[in-house]
Amino acid sequence: MTNLEVHISRSAGLEKTIEALCRTIGLSIALKTTSAKFPGSIHWHVKQGRERGTLEITLWPSQNRLWFSMQDGRKGDWVLNTAHQLKEQL
């Protein structure tokens, strides 16, 4: 698994911003949940149309942390590039 940490100063409003950015660049949210490993977190699985791969996004507001995860078995050509694109925009 590859993780890409995004340095944020605060998490207020980021949930809506992340979802809006995903829609703007043509990603769909396949799953939105919380991670038991990170209590109070918001965890998304996003897809790009019918392309292979899933980008995972985790926002942990209580810790002011945001990161992208790319599972080895869920990689697609678009995943890493999209993670970097979203990081730049955030």
C-alpha atoms as a PDB file:
ATOM      1  CA  MET A   1       0.000   0.000   0.000  1.00  0.00           C
ATOM      2  CA  THR A   2       1.164   3.506  -0.812  1.00  0.00           C
ATOM      3  CA  ASN A   3       0.136   6.471   1.361  1.00  0.00           C
ATOM      4  CA  LEU A   4       0.354  10.125   0.411  1.00  0.00           C
ATOM      5  CA  GLU A   5       0.010  12.473   3.384  1.00  0.00           C
ATOM      6  CA  VAL A   6      -1.524  15.919   2.852  1.00  0.00           C
ATOM      7  CA  HIS A   7      -0.376  18.554   5.324  1.00  0.00           C
ATOM      8  CA  ILE A   8      -3.360  20.546   6.545  1.00  0.00           C
ATOM      9  CA  SER A   9      -3.568  23.233   9.203  1.00  0.00           C
ATOM     10  CA  ARG A  10      -7.209  22.528  10.014  1.00  0.00           C
ATOM     11  CA  SER A  11      -9.890  20.144   8.860  1.00  0.00           C
ATOM     12  CA  ALA A  12     -12.963  22.385   9.114  1.00  0.00           C
ATOM     13  CA  GLY A  13     -14.922  22.320   5.866  1.00  0.00           C
ATOM     14  CA  LEU A  14     -12.624  19.797   4.186  1.00  0.00           C
ATOM     15  CA  GLU A  15     -15.270  17.080   3.904  1.00  0.00           C
ATOM     16  CA  LYS A  16     -17.372  19.147   1.505  1.00  0.00           C
ATOM     17  CA  THR A  17     -14.290  20.481  -0.292  1.00  0.00           C
ATOM     18  CA  ILE A  18     -12.944  16.976  -0.933  1.00  0.00           C
ATOM     19  CA  GLU A  19     -16.274  15.758  -2.300  1.00  0.00           C
ATOM     20  CA  ALA A  20     -16.650  18.834  -4.522  1.00  0.00           C
ATOM     21  CA  LEU A  21     -13.111  18.434  -5.915  1.00  0.00           C
ATOM     22  CA  CYS A  22     -13.756  14.770  -6.658  1.00  0.00           C
ATOM     23  CA  ARG A  23     -16.918  15.630  -8.598  1.00  0.00           C
ATOM     24  CA  THR A  24     -15.152  18.454 -10.448  1.00  0.00           C
ATOM     25  CA  ILE A  25     -12.463  16.140 -11.820  1.00  0.00           C
ATOM     26  CA  GLY A  26     -14.921  13.381 -12.722  1.00  0.00           C
ATOM     27  CA  LEU A  27     -14.534  11.007  -9.801  1.00  0.00           C
ATOM     28  CA  SER A  28     -17.450   9.200  -8.210  1.00  0.00           C
ATOM     29  CA  ILE A  29     -17.715   8.292  -4.560  1.00  0.00           C
ATOM     30  CA  ALA A  30     -18.237   4.536  -4.386  1.00  0.00           C
ATOM     31  CA  LEU A  31     -18.119   4.367  -0.578  1.00  0.00           C
ATOM     32  CA  LYS A  32     -18.212   6.859   2.276  1.00  0.00           C
ATOM     33  CA  THR A  33     -17.782   5.510   5.787  1.00  0.00           C
ATOM     34  CA  THR A  34     -15.611   5.800   8.878  1.00  0.00           C
ATOM     35  CA  SER A  35     -12.555   3.716   9.642  1.00  0.00           C
ATOM     36  CA  ALA A  36     -12.596   1.706  12.871  1.00  0.00           C
ATOM     37  CA  LYS A  37      -8.831   2.112  12.981  1.00  0.00           C
ATOM     38  CA  PHE A  38      -9.202   5.923  13.066  1.00  0.00           C
ATOM     39  CA  PRO A  39     -12.257   6.761  15.263  1.00  0.00           C
ATOM     40  CA  GLY A  40     -14.225   9.752  13.995  1.00  0.00           C
ATOM     41  CA  SER A  41     -12.552   9.683  10.593  1.00  0.00           C
ATOM     42  CA  ILE A  42     -14.252  10.040   7.227  1.00  0.00           C
ATOM     43  CA  HIS A  43     -13.096   7.505   4.666  1.00  0.00           C
ATOM     44  CA  TRP A  44     -13.945   7.513   0.956  1.00  0.00           C
ATOM     45  CA  HIS A  45     -13.349   5.102  -1.905  1.00  0.00           C
ATOM     46  CA  VAL A  46     -13.400   7.008  -5.181  1.00  0.00           C
ATOM     47  CA  LYS A  47     -13.447   5.677  -8.713  1.00  0.00           C
ATOM     48  CA  GLN A  48     -12.882   7.152 -12.140  1.00  0.00           C
ATOM     49  CA  GLY A  49     -15.688   5.912 -14.350  1.00  0.00           C
ATOM     50  CA  ARG A  50     -15.143   2.276 -15.289  1.00  0.00           C
ATOM     51  CA  GLU A  51     -11.366   2.544 -15.019  1.00  0.00           C
ATOM     52  CA  ARG A  52      -9.538  -0.026 -12.954  1.00  0.00           C
ATOM     53  CA  GLY A  53      -8.434   1.129  -9.504  1.00  0.00           C
ATOM     54  CA  THR A  54      -9.677   2.817  -6.359  1.00  0.00           C
ATOM     55  CA  LEU A  55      -8.305   5.852  -4.577  1.00  0.00           C
ATOM     56  CA  GLU A  56      -8.930   5.870  -0.840  1.00  0.00           C
ATOM     57  CA  ILE A  57      -9.123   9.179   0.998  1.00  0.00           C
ATOM     58  CA  THR A  58      -9.126   9.454   4.790  1.00  0.00           C
ATOM     59  CA  LEU A  59      -9.825  12.628   6.742  1.00  0.00           C
ATOM     60  CA  TRP A  60      -9.308  12.403  10.496  1.00  0.00           C
ATOM     61  CA  PRO A  61     -10.605  15.739  11.825  1.00  0.00           C
ATOM     62  CA  SER A  62      -9.676  15.222  15.485  1.00  0.00           C
ATOM     63  CA  GLN A  63      -6.031  14.806  14.461  1.00  0.00           C
ATOM     64  CA  ASN A  64      -6.031  17.348  11.590  1.00  0.00           C
ATOM     65  CA  ARG A  65      -4.841  14.584   9.240  1.00  0.00           C
ATOM     66  CA  LEU A  66      -5.670  13.873   5.624  1.00  0.00           C
ATOM     67  CA  TRP A  67      -4.120  11.195   3.439  1.00  0.00           C
ATOM     68  CA  PHE A  68      -4.629   9.236   0.252  1.00  0.00           C
ATOM     69  CA  SER A  69      -4.110   5.469   0.137  1.00  0.00           C
ATOM     70  CA  MET A  70      -3.524   3.253  -2.861  1.00  0.00           C
ATOM     71  CA  GLN A  71      -3.872  -0.475  -2.169  1.00  0.00           C
ATOM     72  CA  ASP A  72      -1.573  -2.711  -4.202  1.00  0.00           C
ATOM     73  CA  GLY A  73      -4.523  -4.783  -5.448  1.00  0.00           C
ATOM     74  CA  ARG A  74      -6.597  -1.723  -6.391  1.00  0.00           C
ATOM     75  CA  LYS A  75      -4.121   0.263  -8.453  1.00  0.00           C
ATOM     76  CA  GLY A  76      -5.044   1.828 -11.738  1.00  0.00           C
ATOM     77  CA  ASP A  77      -3.122   4.111 -14.065  1.00  0.00           C
ATOM     78  CA  TRP A  78      -5.084   7.141 -12.890  1.00  0.00           C
ATOM     79  CA  VAL A  79      -4.873   6.629  -9.094  1.00  0.00           C
ATOM     80  CA  LEU A  80      -1.455   8.072  -8.175  1.00  0.00           C
ATOM     81  CA  ASN A  81      -1.701  10.980 -10.614  1.00  0.00           C
ATOM     82  CA  THR A  82      -5.154  11.853  -9.299  1.00  0.00           C
ATOM     83  CA  ALA A  83      -3.954  11.713  -5.683  1.00  0.00           C
ATOM     84  CA  HIS A  84      -1.194  14.204  -6.511  1.00  0.00           C
ATOM     85  CA  GLN A  85      -3.660  16.417  -8.385  1.00  0.00           C
ATOM     86  CA  LEU A  86      -6.060  16.474  -5.425  1.00  0.00           C
ATOM     87  CA  LYS A  87      -3.184  17.143  -3.005  1.00  0.00           C
ATOM     88  CA  GLU A  88      -2.131  20.194  -5.013  1.00  0.00           C
ATOM     89  CA  GLN A  89      -5.687  21.544  -5.064  1.00  0.00           C
ATOM     90  CA  LEU A  90      -6.163  21.085  -1.319  1.00  0.00           C
END
